[in-house]
């Protein structure tokens, strides 16, 4: 069973629990592996991720981004990562209809 980590107790402003998201990803990855009829060792070999890392990921939902991407690619599931931090075109209707005269922002303004 996947254990809770410290991130699962803290939500962001949208109510998303990072620990719950990582658990969900691990559960879906395991289900995809089984759907493809792959053993853990076969997936580890196919992806280039060590068997120990794969076992830990499925058990605890802890994995580096690099290894997660390698596993996703090996299971033909990497497409979802390309839009992860996609740039928003407009945040309001007024922005959509106004001509934009400034370039792309290089720095944020808010300090929290």
Foldseek 3Di string as FASTA:
>chain_A
DADADPQQVDADPVRDRPSVVLLVLLVVLVVLCVVVVHDLVRLCVQLVNDSVQNVCCNHHSDDDPVSSCSSCVSSVRNVVVVCPPPDDQDDDPVSVPDDDDDDDDPDDDDDD
